[in-house]
Amino acid sequence: MIILRKAKEQDIPSIQNIANKTWPEAYGDMISKEQISYMLDKMYNKGELLSQFQQGHIFLIAEEDDKDLGFAGFSVIDSKNQVYKLHKLYILPQMHGMGVGKLLINEVVNVIKKAGGKYLQLNVNRNNKAVRFYETAGFKVKETVDLDIGNGFLMNDYVMEKRL
């Protein structure tokens, strides 16, 4: 049985491990190995993840039989308008299609609704098959963005939003 739990700082190595196993498969056809390596280092180094915990980001981990299968990370980005952002949602490749992502996204929505959130936004690469997953979960494309993330790399994303 899959259970969801709120992550603690001690879970950072597991979050890093899942990201490192997931990203090459998730993005290997869309961006270069160099960009994947750059982004993983930038977004998943211990200091950055610690900073996110300290800034109030909530991480949820899906586990089964004491094995972590995936995670979601989110935070409020506009408290006045009650807008939250799903910053991260990654599931181990061998668990894709098993409902783990749906469990995580549903729990994120439940937590945000309980906190009074009205909208949930996320960024997703325009060429990522996850766009369909998010559309099925009720997200709609709000805008198209090209973000300079440094080192000569761009993120070509959709900003998607779901009204809660």
N, C-alpha and C. Protein backbone atom coordinates (compact mmCIF):
# COMPACT_ATOMS: atom_id res chain seq x y z
N MET A 1 0.84 -1.18 0.00
CA MET A 1 0.00 0.00 0.00
C MET A 1 0.89 1.25 0.00
N ILE A 2 0.55 2.19 -0.85
CA ILE A 2 1.30 3.44 -0.94
C ILE A 2 0.79 4.41 0.12
N ILE A 3 1.72 4.98 0.87
CA ILE A 3 1.35 6.01 1.84
C ILE A 3 2.05 7.31 1.47
N LEU A 4 1.44 8.41 1.86
CA LEU A 4 2.03 9.73 1.63
C LEU A 4 2.41 10.30 2.97
N ARG A 5 3.58 10.93 3.02
CA ARG A 5 4.03 11.55 4.26
C ARG A 5 4.69 12.88 3.95
N LYS A 6 4.63 13.77 4.94
CA LYS A 6 5.30 15.05 4.80
C LYS A 6 6.80 14.84 5.01
N ALA A 7 7.58 15.35 4.08
CA ALA A 7 9.03 15.18 4.16
C ALA A 7 9.63 16.11 5.21
N LYS A 8 10.76 15.68 5.73
CA LYS A 8 11.56 16.48 6.66
C LYS A 8 12.93 16.71 6.01
N GLU A 9 13.72 17.56 6.64
CA GLU A 9 15.05 17.84 6.09
C GLU A 9 15.88 16.56 5.95
N GLN A 10 15.64 15.58 6.81
CA GLN A 10 16.37 14.32 6.73
C GLN A 10 16.06 13.54 5.44
N ASP A 11 14.98 13.93 4.76
CA ASP A 11 14.59 13.27 3.51
C ASP A 11 15.28 13.85 2.28
N ILE A 12 16.10 14.87 2.46
CA ILE A 12 16.77 15.50 1.31
C ILE A 12 17.53 14.49 0.46
N PRO A 13 18.32 13.56 1.04
CA PRO A 13 19.01 12.59 0.17
C PRO A 13 18.05 11.74 -0.69
N SER A 14 16.89 11.40 -0.15
CA SER A 14 15.91 10.63 -0.92
C SER A 14 15.33 11.48 -2.06
N ILE A 15 15.03 12.75 -1.77
CA ILE A 15 14.53 13.65 -2.80
C ILE A 15 15.57 13.79 -3.92
N GLN A 16 16.83 13.96 -3.55
CA GLN A 16 17.91 14.07 -4.54
C GLN A 16 18.03 12.78 -5.36
N ASN A 17 17.93 11.64 -4.69
CA ASN A 17 18.05 10.35 -5.37
C ASN A 17 16.93 10.17 -6.40
N ILE A 18 15.71 10.47 -6.02
CA ILE A 18 14.58 10.34 -6.95
C ILE A 18 14.76 11.29 -8.14
N ALA A 19 15.16 12.53 -7.88
CA ALA A 19 15.38 13.50 -8.96
C ALA A 19 16.47 13.00 -9.91
N ASN A 20 17.57 12.51 -9.35
CA ASN A 20 18.68 12.04 -10.19
C ASN A 20 18.30 10.83 -11.04
N LYS A 21 17.40 10.00 -10.55
CA LYS A 21 16.96 8.83 -11.32
C LYS A 21 15.88 9.19 -12.33
N THR A 22 15.11 10.23 -12.04
CA THR A 22 13.96 10.58 -12.87
C THR A 22 14.30 11.53 -14.00
N TRP A 23 15.11 12.53 -13.73
CA TRP A 23 15.37 13.59 -14.71
C TRP A 23 15.92 13.09 -16.04
N PRO A 24 16.94 12.22 -16.07
CA PRO A 24 17.46 11.80 -17.38
C PRO A 24 16.38 11.16 -18.26
N GLU A 25 15.49 10.39 -17.66
CA GLU A 25 14.42 9.78 -18.45
C GLU A 25 13.34 10.80 -18.82
N ALA A 26 13.01 11.68 -17.88
CA ALA A 26 11.94 12.66 -18.11
C ALA A 26 12.33 13.70 -19.15
N TYR A 27 13.59 14.09 -19.16
CA TYR A 27 14.01 15.21 -20.01
C TYR A 27 15.05 14.87 -21.07
N GLY A 28 15.50 13.62 -21.10
CA GLY A 28 16.58 13.22 -22.01
C GLY A 28 16.31 13.49 -23.48
N ASP A 29 15.04 13.46 -23.89
CA ASP A 29 14.69 13.72 -25.29
C ASP A 29 14.46 15.20 -25.57
N MET A 30 14.43 16.03 -24.51
CA MET A 30 14.06 17.44 -24.67
C MET A 30 15.23 18.40 -24.49
N ILE A 31 16.11 18.07 -23.56
CA ILE A 31 17.23 18.97 -23.26
C ILE A 31 18.52 18.15 -23.17
N SER A 32 19.64 18.83 -23.28
CA SER A 32 20.94 18.15 -23.30
C SER A 32 21.30 17.58 -21.93
N LYS A 33 22.20 16.60 -21.94
CA LYS A 33 22.71 16.03 -20.69
C LYS A 33 23.36 17.12 -19.84
N GLU A 34 24.01 18.08 -20.51
CA GLU A 34 24.66 19.18 -19.80
C GLU A 34 23.63 20.04 -19.06
N GLN A 35 22.49 20.31 -19.73
CA GLN A 35 21.46 21.11 -19.08
C GLN A 35 20.82 20.34 -17.93
N ILE A 36 20.59 19.04 -18.12
CA ILE A 36 20.03 18.23 -17.03
C ILE A 36 20.96 18.28 -15.83
N SER A 37 22.24 18.08 -16.06
CA SER A 37 23.22 18.10 -14.97
C SER A 37 23.25 19.46 -14.28
N TYR A 38 23.24 20.52 -15.07
CA TYR A 38 23.25 21.89 -14.54
C TYR A 38 22.02 22.14 -13.66
N MET A 39 20.86 21.77 -14.18
CA MET A 39 19.61 22.04 -13.45
C MET A 39 19.50 21.19 -12.19
N LEU A 40 19.90 19.93 -12.26
CA LEU A 40 19.87 19.10 -11.06
C LEU A 40 20.77 19.68 -9.98
N ASP A 41 21.97 20.10 -10.38
CA ASP A 41 22.90 20.69 -9.41
C ASP A 41 22.34 21.98 -8.83
N LYS A 42 21.72 22.79 -9.68
CA LYS A 42 21.20 24.09 -9.24
C LYS A 42 19.97 23.94 -8.34
N MET A 43 19.08 23.02 -8.69
CA MET A 43 17.78 22.93 -8.00
C MET A 43 17.73 21.88 -6.89
N TYR A 44 18.68 20.95 -6.89
CA TYR A 44 18.61 19.85 -5.93
C TYR A 44 19.85 19.72 -5.06
N ASN A 45 20.71 20.75 -5.05
CA ASN A 45 21.82 20.67 -4.11
C ASN A 45 21.26 20.82 -2.70
N LYS A 46 21.99 20.31 -1.72
CA LYS A 46 21.49 20.28 -0.35
C LYS A 46 21.14 21.67 0.17
N GLY A 47 21.97 22.65 -0.13
CA GLY A 47 21.72 24.01 0.34
C GLY A 47 20.43 24.59 -0.23
N GLU A 48 20.18 24.36 -1.50
CA GLU A 48 18.96 24.85 -2.13
C GLU A 48 17.73 24.18 -1.53
N LEU A 49 17.78 22.87 -1.35
CA LEU A 49 16.63 22.17 -0.77
C LEU A 49 16.40 22.59 0.69
N LEU A 50 17.48 22.75 1.45
CA LEU A 50 17.34 23.25 2.83
C LEU A 50 16.69 24.62 2.84
N SER A 51 17.11 25.48 1.93
CA SER A 51 16.54 26.82 1.83
C SER A 51 15.04 26.74 1.53
N GLN A 52 14.64 25.82 0.64
CA GLN A 52 13.23 25.68 0.32
C GLN A 52 12.43 25.23 1.54
N PHE A 53 12.95 24.28 2.31
CA PHE A 53 12.28 23.86 3.55
C PHE A 53 12.13 25.06 4.48
N GLN A 54 13.19 25.84 4.63
CA GLN A 54 13.18 26.99 5.54
C GLN A 54 12.23 28.08 5.08
N GLN A 55 12.00 28.18 3.76
CA GLN A 55 11.08 29.19 3.21
C GLN A 55 9.63 28.72 3.24
N GLY A 56 9.38 27.54 3.79
CA GLY A 56 8.01 27.06 3.92
C GLY A 56 7.52 26.15 2.82
N HIS A 57 8.40 25.72 1.92
CA HIS A 57 7.97 24.74 0.92
C HIS A 57 7.59 23.45 1.63
N ILE A 58 6.53 22.84 1.15
CA ILE A 58 6.10 21.55 1.70
C ILE A 58 6.45 20.48 0.68
N PHE A 59 7.07 19.43 1.15
CA PHE A 59 7.40 18.27 0.32
C PHE A 59 6.61 17.09 0.83
N LEU A 60 5.96 16.38 -0.07
CA LEU A 60 5.27 15.14 0.25
C LEU A 60 5.99 14.00 -0.45
N ILE A 61 6.16 12.90 0.25
CA ILE A 61 6.83 11.73 -0.32
C ILE A 61 5.85 10.57 -0.36
N ALA A 62 5.81 9.89 -1.50
CA ALA A 62 5.03 8.65 -1.64
C ALA A 62 5.97 7.50 -1.38
N GLU A 63 5.55 6.60 -0.50
CA GLU A 63 6.40 5.44 -0.20
C GLU A 63 5.56 4.18 -0.13
N GLU A 64 6.23 3.08 -0.37
CA GLU A 64 5.61 1.77 -0.24
C GLU A 64 6.66 0.81 0.29
N ASP A 65 6.30 0.09 1.35
CA ASP A 65 7.24 -0.85 1.98
C ASP A 65 8.57 -0.19 2.30
N ASP A 66 8.52 1.01 2.89
CA ASP A 66 9.71 1.78 3.29
C ASP A 66 10.60 2.18 2.12
N LYS A 67 10.07 2.16 0.89
CA LYS A 67 10.84 2.61 -0.27
C LYS A 67 10.16 3.85 -0.84
N ASP A 68 10.93 4.93 -0.97
CA ASP A 68 10.39 6.18 -1.51
C ASP A 68 10.24 6.05 -3.02
N LEU A 69 9.04 6.39 -3.52
CA LEU A 69 8.70 6.20 -4.93
C LEU A 69 8.64 7.50 -5.71
N GLY A 70 8.39 8.61 -5.02
CA GLY A 70 8.25 9.89 -5.69
C GLY A 70 7.99 10.98 -4.67
N PHE A 71 7.97 12.21 -5.16
CA PHE A 71 7.73 13.34 -4.27
C PHE A 71 7.08 14.49 -5.02
N ALA A 72 6.48 15.37 -4.23
CA ALA A 72 5.93 16.63 -4.73
C ALA A 72 6.41 17.72 -3.80
N GLY A 73 6.70 18.89 -4.35
CA GLY A 73 7.10 20.06 -3.56
C GLY A 73 6.29 21.26 -4.00
N PHE A 74 5.73 22.00 -3.02
CA PHE A 74 4.89 23.15 -3.36
C PHE A 74 4.98 24.21 -2.28
N SER A 75 4.54 25.42 -2.65
CA SER A 75 4.53 26.54 -1.69
C SER A 75 3.55 27.60 -2.17
N VAL A 76 3.23 28.51 -1.26
CA VAL A 76 2.41 29.66 -1.62
C VAL A 76 3.32 30.65 -2.37
N ILE A 77 2.82 31.23 -3.46
CA ILE A 77 3.62 32.23 -4.19
C ILE A 77 2.95 33.60 -4.18
N ASP A 78 1.67 33.65 -3.85
CA ASP A 78 0.94 34.92 -3.78
C ASP A 78 -0.13 34.77 -2.71
N SER A 79 0.22 35.16 -1.47
CA SER A 79 -0.71 34.94 -0.35
C SER A 79 -1.96 35.81 -0.47
N LYS A 80 -1.82 37.00 -1.06
CA LYS A 80 -2.99 37.89 -1.21
C LYS A 80 -4.08 37.23 -2.05
N ASN A 81 -3.67 36.62 -3.17
CA ASN A 81 -4.62 35.99 -4.08
C ASN A 81 -4.73 34.48 -3.87
N GLN A 82 -4.06 33.98 -2.84
CA GLN A 82 -4.09 32.57 -2.47
C GLN A 82 -3.68 31.65 -3.62
N VAL A 83 -2.54 31.99 -4.24
CA VAL A 83 -1.99 31.21 -5.34
C VAL A 83 -0.81 30.38 -4.82
N TYR A 84 -0.84 29.10 -5.12
CA TYR A 84 0.23 28.18 -4.76
C TYR A 84 0.91 27.72 -6.04
N LYS A 85 2.13 27.21 -5.88
CA LYS A 85 2.85 26.67 -7.02
C LYS A 85 3.37 25.28 -6.70
N LEU A 86 3.12 24.36 -7.62
CA LEU A 86 3.71 23.04 -7.56
C LEU A 86 5.08 23.16 -8.23
N HIS A 87 6.13 23.15 -7.43
CA HIS A 87 7.48 23.34 -7.96
C HIS A 87 8.07 22.04 -8.51
N LYS A 88 7.67 20.92 -7.89
CA LYS A 88 8.30 19.65 -8.24
C LYS A 88 7.28 18.52 -8.09
N LEU A 89 7.28 17.62 -9.06
CA LEU A 89 6.51 16.38 -8.96
C LEU A 89 7.25 15.34 -9.80
N TYR A 90 7.91 14.42 -9.12
CA TYR A 90 8.70 13.40 -9.82
C TYR A 90 8.46 12.04 -9.20
N ILE A 91 8.28 11.05 -10.06
CA ILE A 91 8.01 9.68 -9.69
C ILE A 91 9.10 8.82 -10.33
N LEU A 92 9.62 7.84 -9.59
CA LEU A 92 10.62 6.95 -10.18
C LEU A 92 10.08 6.36 -11.49
N PRO A 93 10.93 6.29 -12.51
CA PRO A 93 10.45 5.83 -13.83
C PRO A 93 9.71 4.50 -13.80
N GLN A 94 10.17 3.56 -13.00
CA GLN A 94 9.51 2.24 -12.97
C GLN A 94 8.12 2.29 -12.34
N MET A 95 7.75 3.43 -11.72
CA MET A 95 6.44 3.58 -11.09
C MET A 95 5.48 4.41 -11.94
N HIS A 96 5.93 4.90 -13.11
CA HIS A 96 5.05 5.68 -13.97
C HIS A 96 3.86 4.84 -14.39
N GLY A 97 2.69 5.46 -14.42
CA GLY A 97 1.47 4.78 -14.82
C GLY A 97 0.83 3.95 -13.72
N MET A 98 1.35 4.02 -12.51
CA MET A 98 0.83 3.22 -11.39
C MET A 98 -0.04 4.04 -10.44
N GLY A 99 -0.30 5.30 -10.78
CA GLY A 99 -1.18 6.12 -9.95
C GLY A 99 -0.49 6.92 -8.85
N VAL A 100 0.84 6.83 -8.77
CA VAL A 100 1.57 7.54 -7.71
C VAL A 100 1.49 9.05 -7.91
N GLY A 101 1.66 9.50 -9.14
CA GLY A 101 1.57 10.93 -9.44
C GLY A 101 0.19 11.47 -9.14
N LYS A 102 -0.84 10.71 -9.48
CA LYS A 102 -2.21 11.14 -9.21
C LYS A 102 -2.46 11.24 -7.71
N LEU A 103 -1.96 10.28 -6.94
CA LEU A 103 -2.09 10.34 -5.48
C LEU A 103 -1.43 11.61 -4.94
N LEU A 104 -0.23 11.89 -5.40
CA LEU A 104 0.50 13.07 -4.92
C LEU A 104 -0.20 14.37 -5.31
N ILE A 105 -0.62 14.50 -6.57
CA ILE A 105 -1.24 15.75 -7.00
C ILE A 105 -2.56 15.96 -6.26
N ASN A 106 -3.32 14.89 -6.05
CA ASN A 106 -4.58 15.02 -5.31
C ASN A 106 -4.34 15.46 -3.87
N GLU A 107 -3.30 14.94 -3.24
CA GLU A 107 -3.00 15.33 -1.86
C GLU A 107 -2.52 16.78 -1.80
N VAL A 108 -1.71 17.20 -2.78
CA VAL A 108 -1.28 18.60 -2.83
C VAL A 108 -2.52 19.50 -2.91
N VAL A 109 -3.45 19.17 -3.79
CA VAL A 109 -4.68 19.96 -3.94
C VAL A 109 -5.45 19.99 -2.63
N ASN A 110 -5.58 18.84 -1.96
CA ASN A 110 -6.30 18.79 -0.69
C ASN A 110 -5.66 19.67 0.38
N VAL A 111 -4.34 19.61 0.49
CA VAL A 111 -3.61 20.41 1.49
C VAL A 111 -3.80 21.91 1.20
N ILE A 112 -3.70 22.27 -0.07
CA ILE A 112 -3.82 23.68 -0.45
C ILE A 112 -5.25 24.18 -0.22
N LYS A 113 -6.25 23.38 -0.56
CA LYS A 113 -7.64 23.77 -0.32
C LYS A 113 -7.88 24.01 1.17
N LYS A 114 -7.38 23.09 2.01
CA LYS A 114 -7.55 23.23 3.46
C LYS A 114 -6.91 24.52 3.97
N ALA A 115 -5.83 24.95 3.30
CA ALA A 115 -5.13 26.19 3.70
C ALA A 115 -5.79 27.43 3.11
N GLY A 116 -6.87 27.25 2.34
CA GLY A 116 -7.57 28.38 1.76
C GLY A 116 -7.10 28.77 0.37
N GLY A 117 -6.26 27.93 -0.24
CA GLY A 117 -5.75 28.23 -1.58
C GLY A 117 -6.84 28.23 -2.63
N LYS A 118 -6.71 29.11 -3.60
CA LYS A 118 -7.70 29.24 -4.68
C LYS A 118 -7.18 28.72 -6.03
N TYR A 119 -5.85 28.79 -6.23
CA TYR A 119 -5.24 28.40 -7.50
C TYR A 119 -3.97 27.62 -7.24
N LEU A 120 -3.70 26.68 -8.13
CA LEU A 120 -2.43 25.95 -8.12
C LEU A 120 -1.82 26.09 -9.50
N GLN A 121 -0.60 26.59 -9.54
CA GLN A 121 0.13 26.77 -10.80
C GLN A 121 1.33 25.84 -10.84
N LEU A 122 1.84 25.61 -12.04
CA LEU A 122 3.06 24.84 -12.22
C LEU A 122 3.67 25.22 -13.56
N ASN A 123 4.94 24.93 -13.70
CA ASN A 123 5.63 25.06 -14.98
C ASN A 123 5.94 23.66 -15.48
N VAL A 124 5.78 23.44 -16.78
CA VAL A 124 6.11 22.16 -17.39
C VAL A 124 6.67 22.43 -18.77
N ASN A 125 7.72 21.70 -19.13
CA ASN A 125 8.31 21.83 -20.45
C ASN A 125 7.23 21.58 -21.50
N ARG A 126 7.19 22.45 -22.50
CA ARG A 126 6.14 22.37 -23.52
C ARG A 126 6.13 21.05 -24.27
N ASN A 127 7.27 20.36 -24.34
CA ASN A 127 7.36 19.10 -25.07
C ASN A 127 7.23 17.88 -24.17
N ASN A 128 6.96 18.10 -22.89
CA ASN A 128 6.91 17.01 -21.93
C ASN A 128 5.55 16.31 -21.99
N LYS A 129 5.58 14.97 -22.00
CA LYS A 129 4.32 14.22 -22.02
C LYS A 129 3.51 14.46 -20.74
N ALA A 130 4.13 15.01 -19.70
CA ALA A 130 3.41 15.33 -18.46
C ALA A 130 2.35 16.40 -18.69
N VAL A 131 2.43 17.16 -19.78
CA VAL A 131 1.40 18.16 -20.08
C VAL A 131 0.03 17.47 -20.10
N ARG A 132 -0.06 16.31 -20.72
CA ARG A 132 -1.34 15.56 -20.78
C ARG A 132 -1.78 15.13 -19.38
N PHE A 133 -0.84 14.70 -18.56
CA PHE A 133 -1.15 14.30 -17.18
C PHE A 133 -1.79 15.48 -16.44
N TYR A 134 -1.19 16.66 -16.58
CA TYR A 134 -1.72 17.83 -15.87
C TYR A 134 -3.06 18.27 -16.44
N GLU A 135 -3.23 18.17 -17.76
CA GLU A 135 -4.53 18.51 -18.35
C GLU A 135 -5.62 17.58 -17.81
N THR A 136 -5.31 16.30 -17.71
CA THR A 136 -6.25 15.32 -17.17
C THR A 136 -6.59 15.64 -15.71
N ALA A 137 -5.63 16.21 -14.98
CA ALA A 137 -5.83 16.58 -13.58
C ALA A 137 -6.54 17.93 -13.43
N GLY A 138 -6.93 18.55 -14.56
CA GLY A 138 -7.71 19.78 -14.50
C GLY A 138 -6.95 21.07 -14.68
N PHE A 139 -5.67 20.98 -15.07
CA PHE A 139 -4.88 22.19 -15.30
C PHE A 139 -5.10 22.67 -16.73
N LYS A 140 -5.00 23.99 -16.91
CA LYS A 140 -5.10 24.60 -18.24
C LYS A 140 -3.88 25.49 -18.45
N VAL A 141 -3.43 25.58 -19.70
CA VAL A 141 -2.29 26.44 -20.02
C VAL A 141 -2.70 27.89 -19.81
N LYS A 142 -1.93 28.58 -18.98
CA LYS A 142 -2.18 30.00 -18.70
C LYS A 142 -1.32 30.88 -19.59
N GLU A 143 -0.06 30.47 -19.77
CA GLU A 143 0.84 31.23 -20.64
C GLU A 143 2.02 30.36 -21.05
N THR A 144 2.73 30.83 -22.05
CA THR A 144 3.94 30.19 -22.55
C THR A 144 5.11 31.08 -22.18
N VAL A 145 6.16 30.49 -21.60
CA VAL A 145 7.32 31.28 -21.16
C VAL A 145 8.62 30.61 -21.60
N ASP A 146 9.61 31.44 -21.84
CA ASP A 146 10.99 31.01 -22.08
C ASP A 146 11.83 31.65 -20.99
N LEU A 147 12.35 30.82 -20.08
CA LEU A 147 13.06 31.33 -18.91
C LEU A 147 14.55 31.08 -19.03
N ASP A 148 15.34 32.13 -18.90
CA ASP A 148 16.80 32.02 -18.89
C ASP A 148 17.21 31.55 -17.50
N ILE A 149 17.79 30.36 -17.41
CA ILE A 149 18.17 29.82 -16.11
C ILE A 149 19.67 29.89 -15.88
N GLY A 150 20.36 30.60 -16.76
CA GLY A 150 21.80 30.76 -16.59
C GLY A 150 22.59 29.73 -17.38
N ASN A 151 23.89 29.99 -17.49
CA ASN A 151 24.82 29.09 -18.16
C ASN A 151 24.45 28.83 -19.62
N GLY A 152 23.70 29.77 -20.22
CA GLY A 152 23.29 29.64 -21.61
C GLY A 152 22.09 28.74 -21.83
N PHE A 153 21.42 28.33 -20.78
CA PHE A 153 20.29 27.42 -20.89
C PHE A 153 18.96 28.14 -20.73
N LEU A 154 17.96 27.63 -21.46
CA LEU A 154 16.59 28.15 -21.37
C LEU A 154 15.64 27.03 -20.96
N MET A 155 14.58 27.41 -20.27
CA MET A 155 13.47 26.50 -20.03
C MET A 155 12.32 26.99 -20.90
N ASN A 156 11.80 26.12 -21.77
CA ASN A 156 10.69 26.44 -22.66
C ASN A 156 9.44 25.79 -22.08
N ASP A 157 8.70 26.56 -21.29
CA ASP A 157 7.64 25.99 -20.47
C ASP A 157 6.26 26.55 -20.79
N TYR A 158 5.26 25.77 -20.37
CA TYR A 158 3.92 26.26 -20.18
C TYR A 158 3.79 26.58 -18.70
N VAL A 159 3.10 27.67 -18.38
CA VAL A 159 2.62 27.87 -17.02
C VAL A 159 1.19 27.37 -17.07
N MET A 160 0.90 26.37 -16.23
CA MET A 160 -0.44 25.80 -16.18
C MET A 160 -1.07 26.15 -14.84
N GLU A 161 -2.39 26.23 -14.82
CA GLU A 161 -3.08 26.62 -13.60
C GLU A 161 -4.37 25.82 -13.45
N LYS A 162 -4.67 25.53 -12.20
CA LYS A 162 -5.92 24.86 -11.85
C LYS A 162 -6.63 25.70 -10.79
N ARG A 163 -7.88 26.00 -11.04
CA ARG A 163 -8.70 26.69 -10.04
C ARG A 163 -9.20 25.65 -9.05
N LEU A 164 -9.03 25.92 -7.76
CA LEU A 164 -9.40 24.92 -6.74
C LEU A 164 -10.79 25.13 -6.19
